[in-house]
PDB file of N, CA and C in Angstrom:
ATOM      1  N   UNK A   1     -39.623  -0.394 -76.122  1.00  0.00           N
ATOM      2  CA  UNK A   1     -40.212  -1.143 -75.044  1.00  0.00           C
ATOM      3  C   UNK A   1     -39.855  -2.609 -75.236  1.00  0.00           C
ATOM      4  N   UNK A   2     -39.407  -3.263 -74.199  1.00  0.00           N
ATOM      5  CA  UNK A   2     -39.028  -4.672 -74.288  1.00  0.00           C
ATOM      6  C   UNK A   2     -40.275  -5.551 -74.329  1.00  0.00           C
ATOM      7  N   UNK A   3     -40.082  -6.824 -74.713  1.00  0.00           N
ATOM      8  CA  UNK A   3     -41.194  -7.758 -74.762  1.00  0.00           C
ATOM      9  C   UNK A   3     -41.815  -7.978 -73.387  1.00  0.00           C
ATOM     10  N   UNK A   4     -41.017  -7.823 -72.330  1.00  0.00           N
ATOM     11  CA  UNK A   4     -41.520  -8.022 -70.969  1.00  0.00           C
ATOM     12  C   UNK A   4     -42.154  -6.770 -70.389  1.00  0.00           C
ATOM     13  N   UNK A   5     -42.022  -5.653 -71.054  1.00  0.00           N
ATOM     14  CA  UNK A   5     -42.537  -4.378 -70.563  1.00  0.00           C
ATOM     15  C   UNK A   5     -44.057  -4.356 -70.675  1.00  0.00           C
ATOM     16  N   UNK A   6     -44.752  -4.104 -69.565  1.00  0.00           N
ATOM     17  CA  UNK A   6     -46.209  -4.084 -69.556  1.00  0.00           C
ATOM     18  C   UNK A   6     -46.759  -2.659 -69.601  1.00  0.00           C
ATOM     19  N   UNK A   7     -45.922  -1.667 -69.428  1.00  0.00           N
ATOM     20  CA  UNK A   7     -46.395  -0.284 -69.372  1.00  0.00           C
ATOM     21  C   UNK A   7     -46.861   0.184 -70.749  1.00  0.00           C
ATOM     22  N   UNK A   8     -47.965   0.927 -70.757  1.00  0.00           N
ATOM     23  CA  UNK A   8     -48.452   1.505 -72.003  1.00  0.00           C
ATOM     24  C   UNK A   8     -48.381   3.027 -71.967  1.00  0.00           C
ATOM     25  N   UNK A   9     -48.131   3.595 -70.808  1.00  0.00           N
ATOM     26  CA  UNK A   9     -48.025   5.043 -70.652  1.00  0.00           C
ATOM     27  C   UNK A   9     -46.561   5.423 -70.496  1.00  0.00           C
ATOM     28  N   UNK A  10     -46.133   6.523 -71.112  1.00  0.00           N
ATOM     29  CA  UNK A  10     -44.733   6.939 -70.975  1.00  0.00           C
ATOM     30  C   UNK A  10     -44.417   7.375 -69.545  1.00  0.00           C
ATOM     31  N   UNK A  11     -43.209   7.039 -69.101  1.00  0.00           N
ATOM     32  CA  UNK A  11     -42.739   7.431 -67.772  1.00  0.00           C
ATOM     33  C   UNK A  11     -41.789   8.612 -67.909  1.00  0.00           C
ATOM     34  N   UNK A  12     -41.780   9.454 -66.896  1.00  0.00           N
ATOM     35  CA  UNK A  12     -40.853  10.572 -66.825  1.00  0.00           C
ATOM     36  C   UNK A  12     -40.063  10.445 -65.531  1.00  0.00           C
ATOM     37  N   UNK A  13     -38.736  10.446 -65.641  1.00  0.00           N
ATOM     38  CA  UNK A  13     -37.922  10.429 -64.428  1.00  0.00           C
ATOM     39  C   UNK A  13     -38.081  11.777 -63.745  1.00  0.00           C
ATOM     40  N   UNK A  14     -38.461  11.734 -62.483  1.00  0.00           N
ATOM     41  CA  UNK A  14     -38.689  12.966 -61.740  1.00  0.00           C
ATOM     42  C   UNK A  14     -38.645  12.674 -60.247  1.00  0.00           C
ATOM     43  N   UNK A  15     -37.974  13.543 -59.517  1.00  0.00           N
ATOM     44  CA  UNK A  15     -37.925  13.449 -58.058  1.00  0.00           C
ATOM     45  C   UNK A  15     -38.990  14.384 -57.503  1.00  0.00           C
ATOM     46  N   UNK A  16     -40.179  13.852 -57.339  1.00  0.00           N
ATOM     47  CA  UNK A  16     -41.322  14.634 -56.871  1.00  0.00           C
ATOM     48  C   UNK A  16     -41.668  14.165 -55.460  1.00  0.00           C
ATOM     49  N   UNK A  17     -41.866  15.106 -54.520  1.00  0.00           N
ATOM     50  CA  UNK A  17     -42.265  14.687 -53.175  1.00  0.00           C
ATOM     51  C   UNK A  17     -43.721  14.220 -53.167  1.00  0.00           C
ATOM     52  N   UNK A  18     -43.972  13.155 -52.408  1.00  0.00           N
ATOM     53  CA  UNK A  18     -45.315  12.616 -52.238  1.00  0.00           C
ATOM     54  C   UNK A  18     -45.533  12.301 -50.771  1.00  0.00           C
ATOM     55  N   UNK A  19     -46.780  12.368 -50.345  1.00  0.00           N
ATOM     56  CA  UNK A  19     -47.154  11.878 -49.021  1.00  0.00           C
ATOM     57  C   UNK A  19     -47.977  10.622 -49.245  1.00  0.00           C
ATOM     58  N   UNK A  20     -47.569   9.551 -48.598  1.00  0.00           N
ATOM     59  CA  UNK A  20     -48.347   8.319 -48.672  1.00  0.00           C
ATOM     60  C   UNK A  20     -48.923   8.036 -47.295  1.00  0.00           C
ATOM     61  N   UNK A  21     -50.150   7.540 -47.280  1.00  0.00           N
ATOM     62  CA  UNK A  21     -50.828   7.256 -46.014  1.00  0.00           C
ATOM     63  C   UNK A  21     -51.410   5.858 -46.036  1.00  0.00           C
ATOM     64  N   UNK A  22     -51.197   5.157 -44.913  1.00  0.00           N
ATOM     65  CA  UNK A  22     -51.756   3.817 -44.732  1.00  0.00           C
ATOM     66  C   UNK A  22     -51.919   3.599 -43.237  1.00  0.00           C
ATOM     67  N   UNK A  23     -52.933   2.839 -42.858  1.00  0.00           N
ATOM     68  CA  UNK A  23     -53.210   2.625 -41.433  1.00  0.00           C
ATOM     69  C   UNK A  23     -52.060   1.952 -40.702  1.00  0.00           C
ATOM     70  N   UNK A  24     -51.203   1.218 -41.401  1.00  0.00           N
ATOM     71  CA  UNK A  24     -50.114   0.507 -40.729  1.00  0.00           C
ATOM     72  C   UNK A  24     -48.973   1.425 -40.291  1.00  0.00           C
ATOM     73  N   UNK A  25     -48.817   2.594 -40.915  1.00  0.00           N
ATOM     74  CA  UNK A  25     -47.706   3.487 -40.551  1.00  0.00           C
ATOM     75  C   UNK A  25     -48.084   4.957 -40.475  1.00  0.00           C
ATOM     76  N   UNK A  26     -49.306   5.324 -40.771  1.00  0.00           N
ATOM     77  CA  UNK A  26     -49.700   6.735 -40.745  1.00  0.00           C
ATOM     78  C   UNK A  26     -49.352   7.404 -42.057  1.00  0.00           C
ATOM     79  N   UNK A  27     -48.709   8.568 -41.980  1.00  0.00           N
ATOM     80  CA  UNK A  27     -48.366   9.335 -43.177  1.00  0.00           C
ATOM     81  C   UNK A  27     -46.861   9.530 -43.249  1.00  0.00           C
ATOM     82  N   UNK A  28     -46.295   9.285 -44.427  1.00  0.00           N
ATOM     83  CA  UNK A  28     -44.860   9.460 -44.672  1.00  0.00           C
ATOM     84  C   UNK A  28     -44.654  10.310 -45.916  1.00  0.00           C
ATOM     85  N   UNK A  29     -43.582  11.082 -45.931  1.00  0.00           N
ATOM     86  CA  UNK A  29     -43.194  11.812 -47.131  1.00  0.00           C
ATOM     87  C   UNK A  29     -42.095  11.015 -47.815  1.00  0.00           C
ATOM     88  N   UNK A  30     -42.296  10.729 -49.101  1.00  0.00           N
ATOM     89  CA  UNK A  30     -41.357   9.950 -49.905  1.00  0.00           C
ATOM     90  C   UNK A  30     -41.065  10.733 -51.185  1.00  0.00           C
ATOM     91  N   UNK A  31     -40.179  10.189 -52.018  1.00  0.00           N
ATOM     92  CA  UNK A  31     -39.812  10.840 -53.273  1.00  0.00           C
ATOM     93  C   UNK A  31     -39.989   9.859 -54.424  1.00  0.00           C
ATOM     94  N   UNK A  32     -40.488  10.381 -55.546  1.00  0.00           N
ATOM     95  CA  UNK A  32     -40.651   9.525 -56.723  1.00  0.00           C
ATOM     96  C   UNK A  32     -39.319   9.366 -57.445  1.00  0.00           C
ATOM     97  N   UNK A  33     -39.175   8.246 -58.145  1.00  0.00           N
ATOM     98  CA  UNK A  33     -38.068   8.050 -59.083  1.00  0.00           C
ATOM     99  C   UNK A  33     -38.547   8.355 -60.495  1.00  0.00           C
ATOM    100  N   UNK A  34     -39.755   7.850 -60.796  1.00  0.00           N
ATOM    101  CA  UNK A  34     -40.385   8.175 -62.068  1.00  0.00           C
ATOM    102  C   UNK A  34     -41.897   8.152 -61.883  1.00  0.00           C
ATOM    103  N   UNK A  35     -42.585   8.808 -62.812  1.00  0.00           N
ATOM    104  CA  UNK A  35     -44.031   8.950 -62.700  1.00  0.00           C
ATOM    105  C   UNK A  35     -44.634   8.916 -64.102  1.00  0.00           C
ATOM    106  N   UNK A  36     -45.861   8.426 -64.176  1.00  0.00           N
ATOM    107  CA  UNK A  36     -46.613   8.440 -65.432  1.00  0.00           C
ATOM    108  C   UNK A  36     -48.056   8.773 -65.089  1.00  0.00           C
ATOM    109  N   UNK A  37     -48.891   8.789 -66.105  1.00  0.00           N
ATOM    110  CA  UNK A  37     -50.299   9.067 -65.906  1.00  0.00           C
ATOM    111  C   UNK A  37     -50.978   7.990 -65.066  1.00  0.00           C
ATOM    112  N   UNK A  38     -50.418   6.779 -65.063  1.00  0.00           N
ATOM    113  CA  UNK A  38     -51.088   5.676 -64.393  1.00  0.00           C
ATOM    114  C   UNK A  38     -50.388   5.152 -63.145  1.00  0.00           C
ATOM    115  N   UNK A  39     -49.195   5.679 -62.822  1.00  0.00           N
ATOM    116  CA  UNK A  39     -48.519   5.179 -61.635  1.00  0.00           C
ATOM    117  C   UNK A  39     -47.222   5.895 -61.336  1.00  0.00           C
ATOM    118  N   UNK A  40     -46.567   5.423 -60.281  1.00  0.00           N
ATOM    119  CA  UNK A  40     -45.332   6.064 -59.818  1.00  0.00           C
ATOM    120  C   UNK A  40     -44.445   5.016 -59.155  1.00  0.00           C
ATOM    121  N   UNK A  41     -43.144   5.185 -59.306  1.00  0.00           N
ATOM    122  CA  UNK A  41     -42.165   4.397 -58.572  1.00  0.00           C
ATOM    123  C   UNK A  41     -41.606   5.304 -57.496  1.00  0.00           C
ATOM    124  N   UNK A  42     -41.730   4.890 -56.244  1.00  0.00           N
ATOM    125  CA  UNK A  42     -41.277   5.732 -55.142  1.00  0.00           C
ATOM    126  C   UNK A  42     -40.099   5.104 -54.425  1.00  0.00           C
ATOM    127  N   UNK A  43     -39.223   5.978 -53.914  1.00  0.00           N
ATOM    128  CA  UNK A  43     -38.144   5.557 -53.017  1.00  0.00           C
ATOM    129  C   UNK A  43     -38.741   5.501 -51.628  1.00  0.00           C
ATOM    130  N   UNK A  44     -38.518   4.410 -50.935  1.00  0.00           N
ATOM    131  CA  UNK A  44     -39.172   4.255 -49.639  1.00  0.00           C
ATOM    132  C   UNK A  44     -38.233   4.346 -48.449  1.00  0.00           C
ATOM    133  N   UNK A  45     -36.928   4.293 -48.674  1.00  0.00           N
ATOM    134  CA  UNK A  45     -35.987   4.416 -47.572  1.00  0.00           C
ATOM    135  C   UNK A  45     -36.302   3.442 -46.453  1.00  0.00           C
ATOM    136  N   UNK A  46     -36.539   3.975 -45.258  1.00  0.00           N
ATOM    137  CA  UNK A  46     -36.826   3.150 -44.085  1.00  0.00           C
ATOM    138  C   UNK A  46     -38.312   2.874 -43.893  1.00  0.00           C
ATOM    139  N   UNK A  47     -39.145   3.318 -44.837  1.00  0.00           N
ATOM    140  CA  UNK A  47     -40.584   3.106 -44.706  1.00  0.00           C
ATOM    141  C   UNK A  47     -40.888   1.618 -44.732  1.00  0.00           C
ATOM    142  N   UNK A  48     -41.925   1.210 -44.035  1.00  0.00           N
ATOM    143  CA  UNK A  48     -42.285  -0.209 -44.058  1.00  0.00           C
ATOM    144  C   UNK A  48     -42.755  -0.625 -45.449  1.00  0.00           C
ATOM    145  N   UNK A  49     -42.378  -1.829 -45.842  1.00  0.00           N
ATOM    146  CA  UNK A  49     -42.822  -2.344 -47.131  1.00  0.00           C
ATOM    147  C   UNK A  49     -44.261  -2.833 -47.015  1.00  0.00           C
ATOM    148  N   UNK A  50     -45.017  -2.568 -48.043  1.00  0.00           N
ATOM    149  CA  UNK A  50     -46.389  -3.046 -48.105  1.00  0.00           C
ATOM    150  C   UNK A  50     -46.476  -4.137 -49.161  1.00  0.00           C
ATOM    151  N   UNK A  51     -47.333  -5.074 -48.955  1.00  0.00           N
ATOM    152  CA  UNK A  51     -47.482  -6.176 -49.897  1.00  0.00           C
ATOM    153  C   UNK A  51     -48.205  -5.718 -51.154  1.00  0.00           C
ATOM    154  N   UNK A  52     -47.856  -6.312 -52.308  1.00  0.00           N
ATOM    155  CA  UNK A  52     -48.620  -6.018 -53.518  1.00  0.00           C
ATOM    156  C   UNK A  52     -50.105  -6.263 -53.275  1.00  0.00           C
ATOM    157  N   UNK A  53     -50.920  -5.370 -53.812  1.00  0.00           N
ATOM    158  CA  UNK A  53     -52.361  -5.435 -53.601  1.00  0.00           C
ATOM    159  C   UNK A  53     -52.846  -4.487 -52.520  1.00  0.00           C
ATOM    160  N   UNK A  54     -51.914  -3.971 -51.700  1.00  0.00           N
ATOM    161  CA  UNK A  54     -52.275  -3.030 -50.638  1.00  0.00           C
ATOM    162  C   UNK A  54     -52.659  -1.691 -51.257  1.00  0.00           C
ATOM    163  N   UNK A  55     -53.774  -1.111 -50.794  1.00  0.00           N
ATOM    164  CA  UNK A  55     -54.216   0.208 -51.265  1.00  0.00           C
ATOM    165  C   UNK A  55     -53.788   1.274 -50.260  1.00  0.00           C
ATOM    166  N   UNK A  56     -53.418   2.437 -50.772  1.00  0.00           N
ATOM    167  CA  UNK A  56     -53.035   3.545 -49.916  1.00  0.00           C
ATOM    168  C   UNK A  56     -53.423   4.860 -50.562  1.00  0.00           C
ATOM    169  N   UNK A  57     -53.440   5.908 -49.747  1.00  0.00           N
ATOM    170  CA  UNK A  57     -53.727   7.252 -50.226  1.00  0.00           C
ATOM    171  C   UNK A  57     -52.411   7.934 -50.555  1.00  0.00           C
ATOM    172  N   UNK A  58     -52.386   8.649 -51.682  1.00  0.00           N
ATOM    173  CA  UNK A  58     -51.188   9.349 -52.132  1.00  0.00           C
ATOM    174  C   UNK A  58     -51.541  10.799 -52.388  1.00  0.00           C
ATOM    175  N   UNK A  59     -50.716  11.700 -51.890  1.00  0.00           N
ATOM    176  CA  UNK A  59     -50.829  13.120 -52.211  1.00  0.00           C
ATOM    177  C   UNK A  59     -49.549  13.511 -52.937  1.00  0.00           C
ATOM    178  N   UNK A  60     -49.681  13.897 -54.193  1.00  0.00           N
ATOM    179  CA  UNK A  60     -48.531  14.290 -55.002  1.00  0.00           C
ATOM    180  C   UNK A  60     -48.310  15.775 -54.800  1.00  0.00           C
ATOM    181  N   UNK A  61     -47.152  16.114 -54.256  1.00  0.00           N
ATOM    182  CA  UNK A  61     -46.812  17.499 -53.941  1.00  0.00           C
ATOM    183  C   UNK A  61     -45.919  18.060 -55.055  1.00  0.00           C
ATOM    184  N   UNK A  62     -45.707  19.338 -55.076  1.00  0.00           N
ATOM    185  CA  UNK A  62     -44.739  19.924 -55.997  1.00  0.00           C
ATOM    186  C   UNK A  62     -45.215  20.025 -57.437  1.00  0.00           C
ATOM    187  N   UNK A  63     -46.493  19.808 -57.712  1.00  0.00           N
ATOM    188  CA  UNK A  63     -47.012  19.996 -59.062  1.00  0.00           C
ATOM    189  C   UNK A  63     -47.331  21.474 -59.271  1.00  0.00           C
ATOM    190  N   UNK A  64     -47.180  21.959 -60.482  1.00  0.00           N
ATOM    191  CA  UNK A  64     -47.402  23.384 -60.749  1.00  0.00           C
ATOM    192  C   UNK A  64     -48.841  23.807 -60.493  1.00  0.00           C
ATOM    193  N   UNK A  65     -49.788  22.886 -60.651  1.00  0.00           N
ATOM    194  CA  UNK A  65     -51.194  23.230 -60.406  1.00  0.00           C
ATOM    195  C   UNK A  65     -51.657  22.815 -59.012  1.00  0.00           C
ATOM    196  N   UNK A  66     -50.718  22.591 -58.109  1.00  0.00           N
ATOM    197  CA  UNK A  66     -51.030  22.262 -56.728  1.00  0.00           C
ATOM    198  C   UNK A  66     -51.034  20.770 -56.457  1.00  0.00           C
ATOM    199  N   UNK A  67     -51.150  20.374 -55.178  1.00  0.00           N
ATOM    200  CA  UNK A  67     -51.136  18.967 -54.804  1.00  0.00           C
ATOM    201  C   UNK A  67     -52.297  18.215 -55.441  1.00  0.00           C
ATOM    202  N   UNK A  68     -52.088  16.942 -55.674  1.00  0.00           N
ATOM    203  CA  UNK A  68     -53.130  16.083 -56.255  1.00  0.00           C
ATOM    204  C   UNK A  68     -53.259  14.843 -55.388  1.00  0.00           C
ATOM    205  N   UNK A  69     -54.483  14.540 -54.978  1.00  0.00           N
ATOM    206  CA  UNK A  69     -54.763  13.353 -54.168  1.00  0.00           C
ATOM    207  C   UNK A  69     -55.287  12.239 -55.059  1.00  0.00           C
ATOM    208  N   UNK A  70     -54.799  11.031 -54.828  1.00  0.00           N
ATOM    209  CA  UNK A  70     -55.234   9.884 -55.612  1.00  0.00           C
ATOM    210  C   UNK A  70     -55.042   8.619 -54.774  1.00  0.00           C
ATOM    211  N   UNK A  71     -55.872   7.633 -54.995  1.00  0.00           N
ATOM    212  CA  UNK A  71     -55.678   6.331 -54.363  1.00  0.00           C
ATOM    213  C   UNK A  71     -54.773   5.506 -55.262  1.00  0.00           C
ATOM    214  N   UNK A  72     -53.977   4.631 -54.660  1.00  0.00           N
ATOM    215  CA  UNK A  72     -53.051   3.814 -55.429  1.00  0.00           C
ATOM    216  C   UNK A  72     -52.965   2.422 -54.812  1.00  0.00           C
ATOM    217  N   UNK A  73     -52.521   1.490 -55.638  1.00  0.00           N
ATOM    218  CA  UNK A  73     -52.321   0.106 -55.203  1.00  0.00           C
ATOM    219  C   UNK A  73     -50.866  -0.265 -55.412  1.00  0.00           C
ATOM    220  N   UNK A  74     -50.274  -0.920 -54.424  1.00  0.00           N
ATOM    221  CA  UNK A  74     -48.901  -1.411 -54.561  1.00  0.00           C
ATOM    222  C   UNK A  74     -48.924  -2.548 -55.579  1.00  0.00           C
ATOM    223  N   UNK A  75     -48.095  -2.413 -56.633  1.00  0.00           N
ATOM    224  CA  UNK A  75     -48.045  -3.469 -57.647  1.00  0.00           C
ATOM    225  C   UNK A  75     -46.710  -4.206 -57.657  1.00  0.00           C
ATOM    226  N   UNK A  76     -45.658  -3.577 -57.130  1.00  0.00           N
ATOM    227  CA  UNK A  76     -44.382  -4.294 -57.028  1.00  0.00           C
ATOM    228  C   UNK A  76     -43.487  -3.628 -56.012  1.00  0.00           C
ATOM    229  N   UNK A  77     -42.534  -4.423 -55.508  1.00  0.00           N
ATOM    230  CA  UNK A  77     -41.578  -3.956 -54.516  1.00  0.00           C
ATOM    231  C   UNK A  77     -40.200  -4.443 -54.940  1.00  0.00           C
ATOM    232  N   UNK A  78     -39.186  -3.587 -54.804  1.00  0.00           N
ATOM    233  CA  UNK A  78     -37.836  -4.022 -55.097  1.00  0.00           C
ATOM    234  C   UNK A  78     -36.852  -2.874 -55.090  1.00  0.00           C
ATOM    235  N   UNK A  79     -35.576  -3.185 -54.870  1.00  0.00           N
ATOM    236  CA  UNK A  79     -34.504  -2.190 -54.915  1.00  0.00           C
ATOM    237  C   UNK A  79     -34.842  -0.914 -54.154  1.00  0.00           C
ATOM    238  N   UNK A  80     -35.326  -1.075 -52.916  1.00  0.00           N
ATOM    239  CA  UNK A  80     -35.628   0.061 -52.051  1.00  0.00           C
ATOM    240  C   UNK A  80     -36.701   0.972 -52.648  1.00  0.00           C
ATOM    241  N   UNK A  81     -37.604   0.395 -53.429  1.00  0.00           N
ATOM    242  CA  UNK A  81     -38.673   1.184 -54.020  1.00  0.00           C
ATOM    243  C   UNK A  81     -39.956   0.383 -54.121  1.00  0.00           C
ATOM    244  N   UNK A  82     -41.065   1.106 -54.312  1.00  0.00           N
ATOM    245  CA  UNK A  82     -42.374   0.493 -54.489  1.00  0.00           C
ATOM    246  C   UNK A  82     -43.018   1.073 -55.730  1.00  0.00           C
ATOM    247  N   UNK A  83     -43.564   0.204 -56.569  1.00  0.00           N
ATOM    248  CA  UNK A  83     -44.322   0.641 -57.732  1.00  0.00           C
ATOM    249  C   UNK A  83     -45.789   0.718 -57.360  1.00  0.00           C
ATOM    250  N   UNK A  84     -46.393   1.884 -57.603  1.00  0.00           N
ATOM    251  CA  UNK A  84     -47.798   2.104 -57.282  1.00  0.00           C
ATOM    252  C   UNK A  84     -48.587   2.350 -58.559  1.00  0.00           C
ATOM    253  N   UNK A  85     -49.775   1.790 -58.649  1.00  0.00           N
ATOM    254  CA  UNK A  85     -50.671   2.027 -59.770  1.00  0.00           C
ATOM    255  C   UNK A  85     -51.820   2.896 -59.273  1.00  0.00           C
ATOM    256  N   UNK A  86     -52.035   4.038 -59.937  1.00  0.00           N
ATOM    257  CA  UNK A  86     -53.104   4.946 -59.542  1.00  0.00           C
ATOM    258  C   UNK A  86     -54.466   4.348 -59.890  1.00  0.00           C
ATOM    259  N   UNK A  87     -55.472   4.635 -59.047  1.00  0.00           N
ATOM    260  CA  UNK A  87     -56.819   4.131 -59.292  1.00  0.00           C
ATOM    261  C   UNK A  87     -57.495   4.847 -60.451  1.00  0.00           C
ATOM    262  N   UNK A  88     -57.011   6.039 -60.785  1.00  0.00           N
ATOM    263  CA  UNK A  88     -57.509   6.779 -61.948  1.00  0.00           C
ATOM    264  C   UNK A  88     -56.335   7.518 -62.582  1.00  0.00           C
ATOM    265  N   UNK A  89     -56.441   7.805 -63.875  1.00  0.00           N
ATOM    266  CA  UNK A  89     -55.355   8.502 -64.558  1.00  0.00           C
ATOM    267  C   UNK A  89     -55.104   9.855 -63.921  1.00  0.00           C
ATOM    268  N   UNK A  90     -53.849  10.188 -63.757  1.00  0.00           N
ATOM    269  CA  UNK A  90     -53.471  11.421 -63.090  1.00  0.00           C
ATOM    270  C   UNK A  90     -53.423  12.594 -64.056  1.00  0.00           C
ATOM    271  N   UNK A  91     -52.629  12.445 -65.089  1.00  0.00           N
ATOM    272  CA  UNK A  91     -52.481  13.498 -66.105  1.00  0.00           C
ATOM    273  C   UNK A  91     -51.723  12.911 -67.282  1.00  0.00           C
ATOM    274  N   UNK A  92     -51.714  13.583 -68.355  1.00  0.00           N
ATOM    275  CA  UNK A  92     -50.989  13.117 -69.549  1.00  0.00           C
ATOM    276  C   UNK A  92     -49.682  13.881 -69.665  1.00  0.00           C
ATOM    277  N   UNK A  93     -48.570  13.157 -69.800  1.00  0.00           N
ATOM    278  CA  UNK A  93     -47.285  13.797 -70.089  1.00  0.00           C
ATOM    279  C   UNK A  93     -47.188  13.960 -71.586  1.00  0.00           C
ATOM    280  N   UNK A  94     -46.793  15.113 -72.037  1.00  0.00           N
ATOM    281  CA  UNK A  94     -46.654  15.368 -73.488  1.00  0.00           C
ATOM    282  C   UNK A  94     -45.245  15.125 -73.915  1.00  0.00           C
TER     283      UNK A  94
END
């Protein structure tokens, strides 16, 4: 981990489908680039960018134990992606 790295949870590169919902655009299906217990980096394509601090609903699809709903906050935007921080821990990667 670099000196500038703030993450404390391990990330796993994974292309997982997610549905994100916000009043400004409704519901969109996006794909993750990587995911951890505390957040996810999503590819947003043509989706509207949201400002850091914006809260949205996320449904993580494609998990072996079924979809998981969680609230998330936009923490960063860049390179056609958005970093989201989950409001509660999702799961532990081993």
